[in-house]
Amino acid sequence: MKACSYQSALGANYDVLHLTPEELDDLRRRLVDLFGEYRRMSRDERPAGARRVLVATDFVPWFPPEAAEPE
């Protein structure tokens, strides 16, 4: 794996997905599980050089309220 700096690794990602409610729930759960692999609250579990990074994930509908339910 190529070495990189924190500056080059940090950033934001934006995307548009088309999901059913079930798929959205599955995606959210899978991300929580993936983040758990890196949570490592104990210092003994962390690799050398690891630093704390805040990760925020928002799942926001991209449609007006009257279109919340597909026809």
PDB file of N, CA and C in Angstrom:
ATOM      1  N   MET A   1       0.842  -1.178   0.000  1.00  0.00           N
ATOM      2  CA  MET A   1       0.000   0.000   0.000  1.00  0.00           C
ATOM      3  C   MET A   1       0.885   1.239   0.000  1.00  0.00           C
ATOM      4  N   LYS A   2       0.546   2.194  -0.837  1.00  0.00           N
ATOM      5  CA  LYS A   2       1.307   3.427  -0.948  1.00  0.00           C
ATOM      6  C   LYS A   2       1.138   4.273   0.310  1.00  0.00           C
ATOM      7  N   ALA A   3       2.226   4.794   0.828  1.00  0.00           N
ATOM      8  CA  ALA A   3       2.169   5.654   2.003  1.00  0.00           C
ATOM      9  C   ALA A   3       1.542   6.986   1.611  1.00  0.00           C
ATOM     10  N   CYS A   4       0.706   7.530   2.503  1.00  0.00           N
ATOM     11  CA  CYS A   4       0.121   8.840   2.253  1.00  0.00           C
ATOM     12  C   CYS A   4       0.077   9.607   3.568  1.00  0.00           C
ATOM     13  N   SER A   5      -0.139  10.902   3.465  1.00  0.00           N
ATOM     14  CA  SER A   5      -0.219  11.742   4.655  1.00  0.00           C
ATOM     15  C   SER A   5      -1.678  11.902   5.061  1.00  0.00           C
ATOM     16  N   TYR A   6      -1.880  12.387   6.295  1.00  0.00           N
ATOM     17  CA  TYR A   6      -3.248  12.665   6.730  1.00  0.00           C
ATOM     18  C   TYR A   6      -3.869  13.720   5.835  1.00  0.00           C
ATOM     19  N   GLN A   7      -3.090  14.715   5.437  1.00  0.00           N
ATOM     20  CA  GLN A   7      -3.623  15.786   4.589  1.00  0.00           C
ATOM     21  C   GLN A   7      -4.165  15.233   3.283  1.00  0.00           C
ATOM     22  N   SER A   8      -3.481  14.280   2.676  1.00  0.00           N
ATOM     23  CA  SER A   8      -3.950  13.744   1.406  1.00  0.00           C
ATOM     24  C   SER A   8      -5.087  12.735   1.590  1.00  0.00           C
ATOM     25  N   ALA A   9      -5.205  12.143   2.766  1.00  0.00           N
ATOM     26  CA  ALA A   9      -6.239  11.130   3.006  1.00  0.00           C
ATOM     27  C   ALA A   9      -7.570  11.728   3.462  1.00  0.00           C
ATOM     28  N   LEU A  10      -7.532  12.916   4.071  1.00  0.00           N
ATOM     29  CA  LEU A  10      -8.756  13.536   4.571  1.00  0.00           C
ATOM     30  C   LEU A  10      -9.580  14.123   3.433  1.00  0.00           C
ATOM     31  N   GLY A  11     -10.855  14.319   3.671  1.00  0.00           N
ATOM     32  CA  GLY A  11     -11.705  14.947   2.668  1.00  0.00           C
ATOM     33  C   GLY A  11     -13.141  14.505   2.829  1.00  0.00           C
ATOM     34  N   ALA A  12     -13.966  14.934   1.893  1.00  0.00           N
ATOM     35  CA  ALA A  12     -15.386  14.606   1.910  1.00  0.00           C
ATOM     36  C   ALA A  12     -15.740  13.862   0.638  1.00  0.00           C
ATOM     37  N   ASN A  13     -16.794  13.088   0.725  1.00  0.00           N
ATOM     38  CA  ASN A  13     -17.287  12.359  -0.434  1.00  0.00           C
ATOM     39  C   ASN A  13     -18.787  12.598  -0.532  1.00  0.00           C
ATOM     40  N   TYR A  14     -19.241  12.895  -1.724  1.00  0.00           N
ATOM     41  CA  TYR A  14     -20.672  13.087  -1.966  1.00  0.00           C
ATOM     42  C   TYR A  14     -21.088  12.182  -3.102  1.00  0.00           C
ATOM     43  N   ASP A  15     -22.269  11.607  -2.970  1.00  0.00           N
ATOM     44  CA  ASP A  15     -22.748  10.689  -3.999  1.00  0.00           C
ATOM     45  C   ASP A  15     -24.269  10.696  -3.981  1.00  0.00           C
ATOM     46  N   VAL A  16     -24.864  10.219  -5.033  1.00  0.00           N
ATOM     47  CA  VAL A  16     -26.309  10.065  -5.117  1.00  0.00           C
ATOM     48  C   VAL A  16     -26.590   8.595  -5.387  1.00  0.00           C
ATOM     49  N   LEU A  17     -27.407   7.989  -4.535  1.00  0.00           N
ATOM     50  CA  LEU A  17     -27.756   6.586  -4.656  1.00  0.00           C
ATOM     51  C   LEU A  17     -29.258   6.452  -4.831  1.00  0.00           C
ATOM     52  N   HIS A  18     -29.693   5.402  -5.449  1.00  0.00           N
ATOM     53  CA  HIS A  18     -31.118   5.097  -5.587  1.00  0.00           C
ATOM     54  C   HIS A  18     -31.364   3.788  -4.850  1.00  0.00           C
ATOM     55  N   LEU A  19     -32.004   3.883  -3.679  1.00  0.00           N
ATOM     56  CA  LEU A  19     -32.136   2.745  -2.776  1.00  0.00           C
ATOM     57  C   LEU A  19     -33.566   2.553  -2.316  1.00  0.00           C
ATOM     58  N   THR A  20     -33.919   1.315  -2.065  1.00  0.00           N
ATOM     59  CA  THR A  20     -35.167   1.034  -1.367  1.00  0.00           C
ATOM     60  C   THR A  20     -34.911   1.270   0.124  1.00  0.00           C
ATOM     61  N   PRO A  21     -35.961   1.391   0.937  1.00  0.00           N
ATOM     62  CA  PRO A  21     -35.739   1.527   2.380  1.00  0.00           C
ATOM     63  C   PRO A  21     -34.914   0.367   2.946  1.00  0.00           C
ATOM     64  N   GLU A  22     -35.152  -0.845   2.443  1.00  0.00           N
ATOM     65  CA  GLU A  22     -34.401  -2.015   2.932  1.00  0.00           C
ATOM     66  C   GLU A  22     -32.923  -1.909   2.557  1.00  0.00           C
ATOM     67  N   GLU A  23     -32.642  -1.472   1.336  1.00  0.00           N
ATOM     68  CA  GLU A  23     -31.248  -1.318   0.907  1.00  0.00           C
ATOM     69  C   GLU A  23     -30.547  -0.225   1.708  1.00  0.00           C
ATOM     70  N   LEU A  24     -31.264   0.864   1.981  1.00  0.00           N
ATOM     71  CA  LEU A  24     -30.686   1.944   2.777  1.00  0.00           C
ATOM     72  C   LEU A  24     -30.350   1.462   4.179  1.00  0.00           C
ATOM     73  N   ASP A  25     -31.236   0.708   4.784  1.00  0.00           N
ATOM     74  CA  ASP A  25     -30.977   0.153   6.115  1.00  0.00           C
ATOM     75  C   ASP A  25     -29.780  -0.783   6.085  1.00  0.00           C
ATOM     76  N   ASP A  26     -29.689  -1.627   5.059  1.00  0.00           N
ATOM     77  CA  ASP A  26     -28.556  -2.543   4.911  1.00  0.00           C
ATOM     78  C   ASP A  26     -27.246  -1.770   4.748  1.00  0.00           C
ATOM     79  N   LEU A  27     -27.255  -0.744   3.918  1.00  0.00           N
ATOM     80  CA  LEU A  27     -26.047   0.056   3.703  1.00  0.00           C
ATOM     81  C   LEU A  27     -25.598   0.716   5.000  1.00  0.00           C
ATOM     82  N   ARG A  28     -26.541   1.310   5.725  1.00  0.00           N
ATOM     83  CA  ARG A  28     -26.203   1.965   6.991  1.00  0.00           C
ATOM     84  C   ARG A  28     -25.589   0.974   7.970  1.00  0.00           C
ATOM     85  N   ARG A  29     -26.198  -0.201   8.090  1.00  0.00           N
ATOM     86  CA  ARG A  29     -25.670  -1.220   9.009  1.00  0.00           C
ATOM     87  C   ARG A  29     -24.271  -1.689   8.591  1.00  0.00           C
ATOM     88  N   ARG A  30     -24.054  -1.869   7.291  1.00  0.00           N
ATOM     89  CA  ARG A  30     -22.744  -2.306   6.796  1.00  0.00           C
ATOM     90  C   ARG A  30     -21.665  -1.261   7.067  1.00  0.00           C
ATOM     91  N   LEU A  31     -22.018   0.015   6.920  1.00  0.00           N
ATOM     92  CA  LEU A  31     -21.049   1.074   7.217  1.00  0.00           C
ATOM     93  C   LEU A  31     -20.706   1.104   8.696  1.00  0.00           C
ATOM     94  N   VAL A  32     -21.710   0.953   9.557  1.00  0.00           N
ATOM     95  CA  VAL A  32     -21.458   0.924  11.002  1.00  0.00           C
ATOM     96  C   VAL A  32     -20.526  -0.240  11.342  1.00  0.00           C
ATOM     97  N   ASP A  33     -20.747  -1.393  10.737  1.00  0.00           N
ATOM     98  CA  ASP A  33     -19.872  -2.547  10.959  1.00  0.00           C
ATOM     99  C   ASP A  33     -18.452  -2.261  10.471  1.00  0.00           C
ATOM    100  N   LEU A  34     -18.337  -1.657   9.297  1.00  0.00           N
ATOM    101  CA  LEU A  34     -17.016  -1.332   8.754  1.00  0.00           C
ATOM    102  C   LEU A  34     -16.291  -0.340   9.654  1.00  0.00           C
ATOM    103  N   PHE A  35     -16.981   0.704  10.092  1.00  0.00           N
ATOM    104  CA  PHE A  35     -16.353   1.675  10.991  1.00  0.00           C
ATOM    105  C   PHE A  35     -15.883   1.004  12.271  1.00  0.00           C
ATOM    106  N   GLY A  36     -16.632   0.009  12.735  1.00  0.00           N
ATOM    107  CA  GLY A  36     -16.264  -0.704  13.954  1.00  0.00           C
ATOM    108  C   GLY A  36     -14.903  -1.372  13.862  1.00  0.00           C
ATOM    109  N   GLU A  37     -14.507  -1.772  12.660  1.00  0.00           N
ATOM    110  CA  GLU A  37     -13.193  -2.391  12.481  1.00  0.00           C
ATOM    111  C   GLU A  37     -12.056  -1.411  12.781  1.00  0.00           C
ATOM    112  N   TYR A  38     -12.330  -0.121  12.697  1.00  0.00           N
ATOM    113  CA  TYR A  38     -11.302   0.898  12.887  1.00  0.00           C
ATOM    114  C   TYR A  38     -11.477   1.697  14.176  1.00  0.00           C
ATOM    115  N   ARG A  39     -12.504   1.383  14.960  1.00  0.00           N
ATOM    116  CA  ARG A  39     -12.796   2.163  16.157  1.00  0.00           C
ATOM    117  C   ARG A  39     -11.668   2.047  17.183  1.00  0.00           C
ATOM    118  N   ARG A  40     -11.179   0.890  17.451  1.00  0.00           N
ATOM    119  CA  ARG A  40     -10.018   0.605  18.320  1.00  0.00           C
ATOM    120  C   ARG A  40      -9.859   1.586  19.488  1.00  0.00           C
ATOM    121  N   MET A  41     -10.754   1.498  20.426  1.00  0.00           N
ATOM    122  CA  MET A  41     -10.750   2.421  21.555  1.00  0.00           C
ATOM    123  C   MET A  41      -9.545   2.214  22.476  1.00  0.00           C
ATOM    124  N   SER A  42      -9.035   1.011  22.552  1.00  0.00           N
ATOM    125  CA  SER A  42      -7.874   0.737  23.399  1.00  0.00           C
ATOM    126  C   SER A  42      -6.590   1.112  22.651  1.00  0.00           C
ATOM    127  N   ARG A  43      -5.712   1.826  23.308  1.00  0.00           N
ATOM    128  CA  ARG A  43      -4.434   2.216  22.682  1.00  0.00           C
ATOM    129  C   ARG A  43      -3.635   0.996  22.217  1.00  0.00           C
ATOM    130  N   ASP A  44      -3.780  -0.110  22.925  1.00  0.00           N
ATOM    131  CA  ASP A  44      -3.047  -1.323  22.568  1.00  0.00           C
ATOM    132  C   ASP A  44      -3.483  -1.888  21.220  1.00  0.00           C
ATOM    133  N   GLU A  45      -4.702  -1.576  20.779  1.00  0.00           N
ATOM    134  CA  GLU A  45      -5.232  -2.074  19.509  1.00  0.00           C
ATOM    135  C   GLU A  45      -4.830  -1.208  18.312  1.00  0.00           C
ATOM    136  N   ARG A  46      -4.350  -0.008  18.563  1.00  0.00           N
ATOM    137  CA  ARG A  46      -4.079   0.949  17.488  1.00  0.00           C
ATOM    138  C   ARG A  46      -2.673   0.773  16.916  1.00  0.00           C
ATOM    139  N   PRO A  47      -2.554   0.843  15.586  1.00  0.00           N
ATOM    140  CA  PRO A  47      -1.220   0.782  14.997  1.00  0.00           C
ATOM    141  C   PRO A  47      -0.447   2.073  15.277  1.00  0.00           C
ATOM    142  N   ALA A  48       0.860   1.996  15.215  1.00  0.00           N
ATOM    143  CA  ALA A  48       1.700   3.177  15.417  1.00  0.00           C
ATOM    144  C   ALA A  48       1.297   4.256  14.420  1.00  0.00           C
ATOM    145  N   GLY A  49       1.196   5.482  14.889  1.00  0.00           N
ATOM    146  CA  GLY A  49       0.862   6.600  14.022  1.00  0.00           C
ATOM    147  C   GLY A  49      -0.623   6.842  13.837  1.00  0.00           C
ATOM    148  N   ALA A  50      -1.471   5.996  14.439  1.00  0.00           N
ATOM    149  CA  ALA A  50      -2.914   6.170  14.294  1.00  0.00           C
ATOM    150  C   ALA A  50      -3.363   7.430  15.029  1.00  0.00           C
ATOM    151  N   ARG A  51      -4.236   8.208  14.370  1.00  0.00           N
ATOM    152  CA  ARG A  51      -4.785   9.415  14.981  1.00  0.00           C
ATOM    153  C   ARG A  51      -6.296   9.363  14.908  1.00  0.00           C
ATOM    154  N   ARG A  52      -6.938  10.050  15.846  1.00  0.00           N
ATOM    155  CA  ARG A  52      -8.395  10.080  15.908  1.00  0.00           C
ATOM    156  C   ARG A  52      -8.949  10.915  14.746  1.00  0.00           C
ATOM    157  N   VAL A  53      -9.952  10.393  14.054  1.00  0.00           N
ATOM    158  CA  VAL A  53     -10.602  11.073  12.934  1.00  0.00           C
ATOM    159  C   VAL A  53     -12.114  10.977  13.139  1.00  0.00           C
ATOM    160  N   LEU A  54     -12.804  12.101  13.028  1.00  0.00           N
ATOM    161  CA  LEU A  54     -14.258  12.116  13.122  1.00  0.00           C
ATOM    162  C   LEU A  54     -14.839  11.738  11.761  1.00  0.00           C
ATOM    163  N   VAL A  55     -15.759  10.773  11.761  1.00  0.00           N
ATOM    164  CA  VAL A  55     -16.449  10.361  10.546  1.00  0.00           C
ATOM    165  C   VAL A  55     -17.930  10.659  10.746  1.00  0.00           C
ATOM    166  N   ALA A  56     -18.511  11.414   9.825  1.00  0.00           N
ATOM    167  CA  ALA A  56     -19.942  11.739   9.890  1.00  0.00           C
ATOM    168  C   ALA A  56     -20.598  11.250   8.608  1.00  0.00           C
ATOM    169  N   THR A  57     -21.664  10.497   8.753  1.00  0.00           N
ATOM    170  CA  THR A  57     -22.397   9.974   7.609  1.00  0.00           C
ATOM    171  C   THR A  57     -23.846  10.422   7.739  1.00  0.00           C
ATOM    172  N   ASP A  58     -24.345  11.104   6.731  1.00  0.00           N
ATOM    173  CA  ASP A  58     -25.740  11.541   6.722  1.00  0.00           C
ATOM    174  C   ASP A  58     -26.464  10.867   5.567  1.00  0.00           C
ATOM    175  N   PHE A  59     -27.609  10.308   5.856  1.00  0.00           N
ATOM    176  CA  PHE A  59     -28.479   9.755   4.820  1.00  0.00           C
ATOM    177  C   PHE A  59     -29.687  10.684   4.762  1.00  0.00           C
ATOM    178  N   VAL A  60     -29.742  11.513   3.752  1.00  0.00           N
ATOM    179  CA  VAL A  60     -30.747  12.557   3.649  1.00  0.00           C
ATOM    180  C   VAL A  60     -31.556  12.347   2.377  1.00  0.00           C
ATOM    181  N   PRO A  61     -32.891  12.370   2.477  1.00  0.00           N
ATOM    182  CA  PRO A  61     -33.695  12.181   1.266  1.00  0.00           C
ATOM    183  C   PRO A  61     -33.473  13.342   0.299  1.00  0.00           C
ATOM    184  N   TRP A  62     -33.461  13.019  -0.973  1.00  0.00           N
ATOM    185  CA  TRP A  62     -33.257  14.031  -2.003  1.00  0.00           C
ATOM    186  C   TRP A  62     -34.525  14.138  -2.837  1.00  0.00           C
ATOM    187  N   PHE A  63     -35.619  14.426  -2.155  1.00  0.00           N
ATOM    188  CA  PHE A  63     -36.902  14.583  -2.813  1.00  0.00           C
ATOM    189  C   PHE A  63     -37.789  15.404  -1.881  1.00  0.00           C
ATOM    190  N   PRO A  64     -38.781  16.085  -2.435  1.00  0.00           N
ATOM    191  CA  PRO A  64     -39.679  16.870  -1.577  1.00  0.00           C
ATOM    192  C   PRO A  64     -40.563  15.951  -0.735  1.00  0.00           C
ATOM    193  N   PRO A  65     -41.049  16.431   0.412  1.00  0.00           N
ATOM    194  CA  PRO A  65     -41.859  15.587   1.314  1.00  0.00           C
ATOM    195  C   PRO A  65     -43.041  14.932   0.632  1.00  0.00           C
ATOM    196  N   GLU A  66     -43.698  15.613  -0.303  1.00  0.00           N
ATOM    197  CA  GLU A  66     -44.874  15.018  -0.944  1.00  0.00           C
ATOM    198  C   GLU A  66     -44.504  13.843  -1.847  1.00  0.00           C
ATOM    199  N   ALA A  67     -43.225  13.685  -2.166  1.00  0.00           N
ATOM    200  CA  ALA A  67     -42.779  12.569  -3.010  1.00  0.00           C
ATOM    201  C   ALA A  67     -42.087  11.480  -2.189  1.00  0.00           C
ATOM    202  N   ALA A  68     -42.302  11.489  -0.889  1.00  0.00           N
ATOM    203  CA  ALA A  68     -41.605  10.549  -0.004  1.00  0.00           C
ATOM    204  C   ALA A  68     -41.925   9.096  -0.328  1.00  0.00           C
ATOM    205  N   GLU A  69     -43.136   8.809  -0.735  1.00  0.00           N
ATOM    206  CA  GLU A  69     -43.521   7.440  -1.057  1.00  0.00           C
ATOM    207  C   GLU A  69     -43.669   7.289  -2.566  1.00  0.00           C
ATOM    208  N   PRO A  70     -42.951   6.340  -3.170  1.00  0.00           N
ATOM    209  CA  PRO A  70     -43.109   6.139  -4.612  1.00  0.00           C
ATOM    210  C   PRO A  70     -44.523   5.679  -4.947  1.00  0.00           C
ATOM    211  N   GLU A  71     -44.980   6.067  -6.141  1.00  0.00           N
ATOM    212  CA  GLU A  71     -46.329   5.668  -6.571  1.00  0.00           C
ATOM    213  C   GLU A  71     -46.340   4.292  -7.152  1.00  0.00           C
TER     214      GLU A  71
END
